[in-house]
C-alpha cells in the first residue's frame, strides 16, 4: 500500500454526509438484518446512520492508469453502527461501460 503522504485529495470528489434513520427497505435484501430492531431501530425504522454521497455526482476524472481516458465516478454510502455499505460505480465517460461496481446498485458491506 502507498504511504498516506503519497495520496492527494480529490476536491471534486468530496463526500457530503447527513444523519438519518435507515429503514430495512433502504437496504438490499441480503443486508436487511443490519437494520433490525436488535441493531437499534424499531419495527419499521432502523438505526440512525450517516448517509454519504458525492457532492458533485457524478465526479468526472482522468484515469490514473491511462491519462487519455476519462472516468465517471458515483458513490453512495451508508454508515451504520456495525457496517459501512458502499455502492461505488466507475464507468468510462465516453461509453458508459462499467469498470467497477454493481450495475444493479447492490452495495458491498465492510464490518
N, C-alpha and C. Protein backbone atom coordinates (compact mmCIF):
# COMPACT_ATOMS: atom_id res chain seq x y z
N UNK A 1 0.83 -1.18 0.00
CA UNK A 1 0.00 0.00 0.00
C UNK A 1 0.87 1.24 0.00
N UNK A 2 0.45 2.28 -0.72
CA UNK A 2 1.25 3.51 -0.71
C UNK A 2 1.12 4.22 0.64
N UNK A 3 2.17 4.94 1.03
CA UNK A 3 2.06 5.69 2.29
C UNK A 3 1.02 6.80 2.15
N UNK A 4 0.37 7.12 3.25
CA UNK A 4 -0.67 8.14 3.24
C UNK A 4 -0.16 9.47 2.68
N UNK A 5 1.10 9.78 2.93
CA UNK A 5 1.68 11.04 2.46
C UNK A 5 1.76 11.12 0.94
N UNK A 6 1.68 9.97 0.25
CA UNK A 6 1.76 9.99 -1.21
C UNK A 6 0.39 10.19 -1.87
N UNK A 7 -0.67 10.18 -1.07
CA UNK A 7 -2.02 10.34 -1.61
C UNK A 7 -2.38 11.82 -1.69
N UNK A 8 -3.16 12.16 -2.69
CA UNK A 8 -3.60 13.55 -2.81
C UNK A 8 -5.12 13.59 -2.85
N UNK A 9 -5.70 14.61 -2.22
CA UNK A 9 -7.16 14.70 -2.18
C UNK A 9 -7.73 15.03 -3.56
N UNK A 10 -8.96 14.64 -3.76
CA UNK A 10 -9.69 14.96 -4.99
C UNK A 10 -10.88 15.84 -4.59
N UNK A 11 -10.69 17.16 -4.52
CA UNK A 11 -11.77 18.03 -4.03
C UNK A 11 -13.07 17.88 -4.82
N UNK A 12 -12.98 17.55 -6.10
CA UNK A 12 -14.19 17.39 -6.90
C UNK A 12 -14.95 16.11 -6.54
N UNK A 13 -14.35 15.27 -5.68
CA UNK A 13 -15.00 14.03 -5.25
C UNK A 13 -15.26 14.01 -3.75
N UNK A 14 -15.43 15.18 -3.14
CA UNK A 14 -15.75 15.25 -1.71
C UNK A 14 -17.11 14.60 -1.45
N UNK A 15 -17.24 14.03 -0.27
CA UNK A 15 -18.49 13.36 0.12
C UNK A 15 -19.20 14.21 1.16
N UNK A 16 -20.49 14.41 0.95
CA UNK A 16 -21.34 15.10 1.92
C UNK A 16 -22.04 14.03 2.76
N UNK A 17 -22.03 14.21 4.08
CA UNK A 17 -22.65 13.25 4.99
C UNK A 17 -23.83 13.89 5.68
N UNK A 18 -24.87 13.10 5.93
CA UNK A 18 -26.00 13.58 6.73
C UNK A 18 -26.50 12.42 7.59
N UNK A 19 -26.99 12.76 8.77
CA UNK A 19 -27.53 11.75 9.68
C UNK A 19 -28.99 11.51 9.33
N UNK A 20 -29.39 10.25 9.33
CA UNK A 20 -30.79 9.91 9.07
C UNK A 20 -31.07 8.52 9.60
N UNK A 21 -32.34 8.21 9.71
CA UNK A 21 -32.73 6.85 10.08
C UNK A 21 -32.80 6.04 8.80
N UNK A 22 -32.33 4.82 8.86
CA UNK A 22 -32.41 3.92 7.71
C UNK A 22 -33.54 2.92 7.99
N UNK A 23 -34.27 2.59 6.94
CA UNK A 23 -35.30 1.56 7.08
C UNK A 23 -34.80 0.31 6.38
N UNK A 24 -35.38 -0.82 6.72
CA UNK A 24 -34.94 -2.07 6.10
C UNK A 24 -35.09 -2.02 4.59
N UNK A 25 -36.13 -1.37 4.11
CA UNK A 25 -36.32 -1.35 2.64
C UNK A 25 -35.28 -0.49 1.92
N UNK A 26 -34.53 0.34 2.68
CA UNK A 26 -33.45 1.13 2.08
C UNK A 26 -32.25 0.26 1.71
N UNK A 27 -32.19 -0.95 2.29
CA UNK A 27 -31.02 -1.80 2.11
C UNK A 27 -31.36 -2.99 1.22
N UNK A 28 -30.38 -3.52 0.50
CA UNK A 28 -30.62 -4.74 -0.26
C UNK A 28 -31.04 -5.88 0.66
N UNK A 29 -31.82 -6.79 0.15
CA UNK A 29 -32.38 -7.89 0.92
C UNK A 29 -31.32 -8.61 1.76
N UNK A 30 -30.17 -8.86 1.18
CA UNK A 30 -29.12 -9.61 1.88
C UNK A 30 -28.59 -8.89 3.11
N UNK A 31 -28.81 -7.57 3.21
CA UNK A 31 -28.25 -6.79 4.31
C UNK A 31 -29.31 -6.24 5.25
N UNK A 32 -30.56 -6.61 5.08
CA UNK A 32 -31.64 -6.02 5.89
C UNK A 32 -31.53 -6.34 7.37
N UNK A 33 -30.82 -7.42 7.72
CA UNK A 33 -30.62 -7.72 9.14
C UNK A 33 -29.86 -6.61 9.85
N UNK A 34 -29.09 -5.81 9.10
CA UNK A 34 -28.31 -4.72 9.72
C UNK A 34 -29.23 -3.63 10.25
N UNK A 35 -30.47 -3.57 9.77
CA UNK A 35 -31.43 -2.56 10.23
C UNK A 35 -32.52 -3.20 11.08
N UNK A 36 -32.20 -4.30 11.73
CA UNK A 36 -33.20 -4.99 12.55
C UNK A 36 -33.41 -4.25 13.86
N UNK A 37 -34.54 -4.51 14.54
CA UNK A 37 -34.76 -3.88 15.84
C UNK A 37 -33.61 -4.10 16.81
N UNK A 38 -32.97 -5.25 16.77
CA UNK A 38 -31.86 -5.51 17.69
C UNK A 38 -30.63 -4.67 17.35
N UNK A 39 -30.60 -4.08 16.14
CA UNK A 39 -29.48 -3.21 15.75
C UNK A 39 -29.73 -1.76 16.16
N UNK A 40 -30.82 -1.52 16.89
CA UNK A 40 -31.03 -0.17 17.41
C UNK A 40 -32.23 0.53 16.80
N UNK A 41 -33.04 -0.14 16.02
CA UNK A 41 -34.20 0.51 15.42
C UNK A 41 -35.47 -0.19 15.82
N UNK A 42 -36.58 0.40 15.45
CA UNK A 42 -37.87 -0.20 15.74
C UNK A 42 -38.29 -1.15 14.64
N UNK A 43 -39.56 -1.51 14.62
CA UNK A 43 -40.07 -2.47 13.64
C UNK A 43 -39.89 -1.97 12.22
N UNK A 44 -40.19 -0.68 11.95
CA UNK A 44 -40.06 -0.14 10.60
C UNK A 44 -38.80 0.70 10.46
N UNK A 45 -38.53 1.51 11.47
CA UNK A 45 -37.34 2.36 11.43
C UNK A 45 -36.14 1.59 11.90
N UNK A 46 -35.08 1.67 11.18
CA UNK A 46 -33.84 1.05 11.61
C UNK A 46 -33.05 2.02 12.47
N UNK A 47 -31.77 1.75 12.66
CA UNK A 47 -30.93 2.61 13.48
C UNK A 47 -30.59 3.90 12.75
N UNK A 48 -30.08 4.84 13.50
CA UNK A 48 -29.53 6.04 12.87
C UNK A 48 -28.31 5.63 12.07
N UNK A 49 -28.10 6.31 10.99
CA UNK A 49 -26.91 6.07 10.19
C UNK A 49 -26.45 7.39 9.62
N UNK A 50 -25.30 7.37 9.00
CA UNK A 50 -24.84 8.51 8.22
C UNK A 50 -24.90 8.08 6.76
N UNK A 51 -25.53 8.90 5.94
CA UNK A 51 -25.61 8.62 4.51
C UNK A 51 -24.65 9.58 3.81
N UNK A 52 -23.77 9.02 3.00
CA UNK A 52 -22.79 9.82 2.27
C UNK A 52 -23.03 9.73 0.78
N UNK A 53 -22.77 10.84 0.11
CA UNK A 53 -22.93 10.90 -1.33
C UNK A 53 -21.94 11.93 -1.86
N UNK A 54 -21.40 11.67 -3.04
CA UNK A 54 -20.50 12.66 -3.63
C UNK A 54 -21.23 13.98 -3.77
N UNK A 55 -20.56 15.08 -3.39
CA UNK A 55 -21.18 16.40 -3.51
C UNK A 55 -21.48 16.72 -4.96
N UNK A 56 -20.57 16.32 -5.82
CA UNK A 56 -20.74 16.52 -7.26
C UNK A 56 -20.83 15.14 -7.89
N UNK A 57 -22.06 14.68 -8.12
CA UNK A 57 -22.24 13.32 -8.61
C UNK A 57 -22.88 13.36 -9.98
N UNK A 58 -22.30 12.77 -10.99
CA UNK A 58 -21.06 12.00 -10.93
C UNK A 58 -19.83 12.92 -10.91
N UNK A 59 -18.75 12.36 -10.43
CA UNK A 59 -17.46 13.02 -10.42
C UNK A 59 -16.69 12.50 -11.64
N UNK A 60 -16.22 13.41 -12.49
CA UNK A 60 -15.51 13.00 -13.70
C UNK A 60 -14.02 13.29 -13.50
N UNK A 61 -13.21 12.25 -13.73
CA UNK A 61 -11.76 12.31 -13.50
C UNK A 61 -11.00 11.74 -14.68
N UNK A 62 -9.73 12.07 -14.73
CA UNK A 62 -8.82 11.41 -15.66
C UNK A 62 -8.34 10.13 -15.00
N UNK A 63 -8.35 9.03 -15.73
CA UNK A 63 -7.91 7.75 -15.19
C UNK A 63 -6.45 7.82 -14.76
N UNK A 64 -6.14 7.21 -13.62
CA UNK A 64 -4.75 7.16 -13.17
C UNK A 64 -3.94 6.15 -13.97
N UNK A 65 -4.63 5.21 -14.61
CA UNK A 65 -3.93 4.19 -15.41
C UNK A 65 -3.62 4.66 -16.82
N UNK A 66 -4.50 5.53 -17.36
CA UNK A 66 -4.33 6.00 -18.74
C UNK A 66 -4.84 7.43 -18.82
N UNK A 67 -3.93 8.39 -18.95
CA UNK A 67 -4.28 9.81 -18.93
C UNK A 67 -5.18 10.23 -20.09
N UNK A 68 -5.34 9.38 -21.10
CA UNK A 68 -6.21 9.72 -22.23
C UNK A 68 -7.66 9.28 -21.98
N UNK A 69 -7.90 8.62 -20.86
CA UNK A 69 -9.23 8.08 -20.55
C UNK A 69 -9.88 8.88 -19.42
N UNK A 70 -11.14 9.27 -19.64
CA UNK A 70 -11.91 9.96 -18.60
C UNK A 70 -12.90 8.96 -18.00
N UNK A 71 -13.04 8.99 -16.68
CA UNK A 71 -13.96 8.09 -15.99
C UNK A 71 -15.00 8.90 -15.20
N UNK A 72 -16.13 8.28 -15.00
CA UNK A 72 -17.24 8.88 -14.24
C UNK A 72 -17.42 8.04 -12.97
N UNK A 73 -17.40 8.69 -11.82
CA UNK A 73 -17.49 8.00 -10.54
C UNK A 73 -18.78 8.42 -9.83
N UNK A 74 -19.50 7.42 -9.33
CA UNK A 74 -20.69 7.65 -8.49
C UNK A 74 -20.46 6.87 -7.20
N UNK A 75 -20.87 7.46 -6.08
CA UNK A 75 -20.63 6.81 -4.80
C UNK A 75 -21.77 7.13 -3.84
N UNK A 76 -22.33 6.09 -3.24
CA UNK A 76 -23.36 6.22 -2.21
C UNK A 76 -22.94 5.35 -1.04
N UNK A 77 -23.00 5.90 0.17
CA UNK A 77 -22.51 5.22 1.36
C UNK A 77 -23.56 5.26 2.46
N UNK A 78 -23.63 4.20 3.24
CA UNK A 78 -24.44 4.14 4.46
C UNK A 78 -23.52 3.65 5.58
N UNK A 79 -23.32 4.47 6.58
CA UNK A 79 -22.52 4.07 7.74
C UNK A 79 -23.48 3.79 8.89
N UNK A 80 -23.65 2.50 9.21
CA UNK A 80 -24.50 2.05 10.32
C UNK A 80 -23.60 1.75 11.52
N UNK A 81 -24.21 1.46 12.67
CA UNK A 81 -23.38 1.22 13.86
C UNK A 81 -22.32 0.12 13.69
N UNK A 82 -22.61 -0.91 12.89
CA UNK A 82 -21.65 -2.01 12.78
C UNK A 82 -21.16 -2.26 11.37
N UNK A 83 -21.63 -1.50 10.38
CA UNK A 83 -21.25 -1.76 8.99
C UNK A 83 -21.18 -0.48 8.17
N UNK A 84 -20.36 -0.53 7.15
CA UNK A 84 -20.31 0.51 6.14
C UNK A 84 -20.73 -0.12 4.82
N UNK A 85 -21.83 0.36 4.24
CA UNK A 85 -22.30 -0.12 2.94
C UNK A 85 -21.79 0.84 1.87
N UNK A 86 -21.13 0.29 0.86
CA UNK A 86 -20.53 1.11 -0.19
C UNK A 86 -21.10 0.69 -1.53
N UNK A 87 -21.65 1.66 -2.23
CA UNK A 87 -22.16 1.43 -3.58
C UNK A 87 -21.42 2.40 -4.50
N UNK A 88 -20.24 1.98 -4.94
CA UNK A 88 -19.47 2.84 -5.84
C UNK A 88 -19.48 2.24 -7.23
N UNK A 89 -19.61 3.11 -8.21
CA UNK A 89 -19.61 2.70 -9.61
C UNK A 89 -18.65 3.59 -10.37
N UNK A 90 -17.84 2.97 -11.23
CA UNK A 90 -16.91 3.70 -12.07
C UNK A 90 -17.18 3.26 -13.51
N UNK A 91 -17.39 4.24 -14.38
CA UNK A 91 -17.69 3.97 -15.79
C UNK A 91 -16.77 4.77 -16.68
N UNK A 92 -16.57 4.29 -17.89
CA UNK A 92 -15.89 5.09 -18.90
C UNK A 92 -16.82 6.24 -19.27
N UNK A 93 -16.30 7.45 -19.29
CA UNK A 93 -17.14 8.60 -19.63
C UNK A 93 -17.66 8.51 -21.06
N UNK A 94 -16.82 8.05 -21.97
CA UNK A 94 -17.19 8.04 -23.38
C UNK A 94 -18.28 7.03 -23.71
N UNK A 95 -18.27 5.86 -23.07
CA UNK A 95 -19.19 4.79 -23.46
C UNK A 95 -20.18 4.36 -22.37
N UNK A 96 -19.89 4.72 -21.12
CA UNK A 96 -20.72 4.27 -20.02
C UNK A 96 -20.42 2.85 -19.58
N UNK A 97 -19.40 2.23 -20.16
CA UNK A 97 -19.03 0.86 -19.77
C UNK A 97 -18.64 0.83 -18.29
N UNK A 98 -19.26 -0.08 -17.54
CA UNK A 98 -18.98 -0.22 -16.11
C UNK A 98 -17.61 -0.85 -15.91
N UNK A 99 -16.74 -0.18 -15.19
CA UNK A 99 -15.41 -0.69 -14.88
C UNK A 99 -15.34 -1.29 -13.47
N UNK A 100 -16.15 -0.75 -12.56
CA UNK A 100 -16.13 -1.18 -11.16
C UNK A 100 -17.50 -0.92 -10.56
N UNK A 101 -17.96 -1.84 -9.73
CA UNK A 101 -19.21 -1.65 -9.02
C UNK A 101 -20.30 -2.58 -9.54
N UNK A 102 -21.50 -2.38 -9.03
CA UNK A 102 -22.63 -3.23 -9.37
C UNK A 102 -23.67 -2.43 -10.12
N UNK A 103 -23.95 -2.83 -11.35
CA UNK A 103 -24.89 -2.11 -12.21
C UNK A 103 -26.29 -2.04 -11.58
N UNK A 104 -26.64 -3.03 -10.77
CA UNK A 104 -27.97 -3.06 -10.14
C UNK A 104 -28.03 -2.25 -8.85
N UNK A 105 -26.94 -1.61 -8.47
CA UNK A 105 -26.94 -0.77 -7.28
C UNK A 105 -26.82 -1.53 -5.98
N UNK A 106 -26.33 -2.75 -6.01
CA UNK A 106 -26.18 -3.54 -4.78
C UNK A 106 -24.83 -3.18 -4.15
N UNK A 107 -24.87 -2.66 -2.92
CA UNK A 107 -23.61 -2.28 -2.28
C UNK A 107 -22.88 -3.49 -1.69
N UNK A 108 -21.65 -3.30 -1.36
CA UNK A 108 -20.93 -4.30 -0.58
C UNK A 108 -20.77 -3.73 0.83
N UNK A 109 -20.55 -4.60 1.79
CA UNK A 109 -20.50 -4.18 3.19
C UNK A 109 -19.14 -4.45 3.79
N UNK A 110 -18.67 -3.51 4.59
CA UNK A 110 -17.47 -3.70 5.40
C UNK A 110 -17.91 -3.70 6.86
N UNK A 111 -17.39 -4.66 7.61
CA UNK A 111 -17.76 -4.74 9.04
C UNK A 111 -16.61 -4.30 9.90
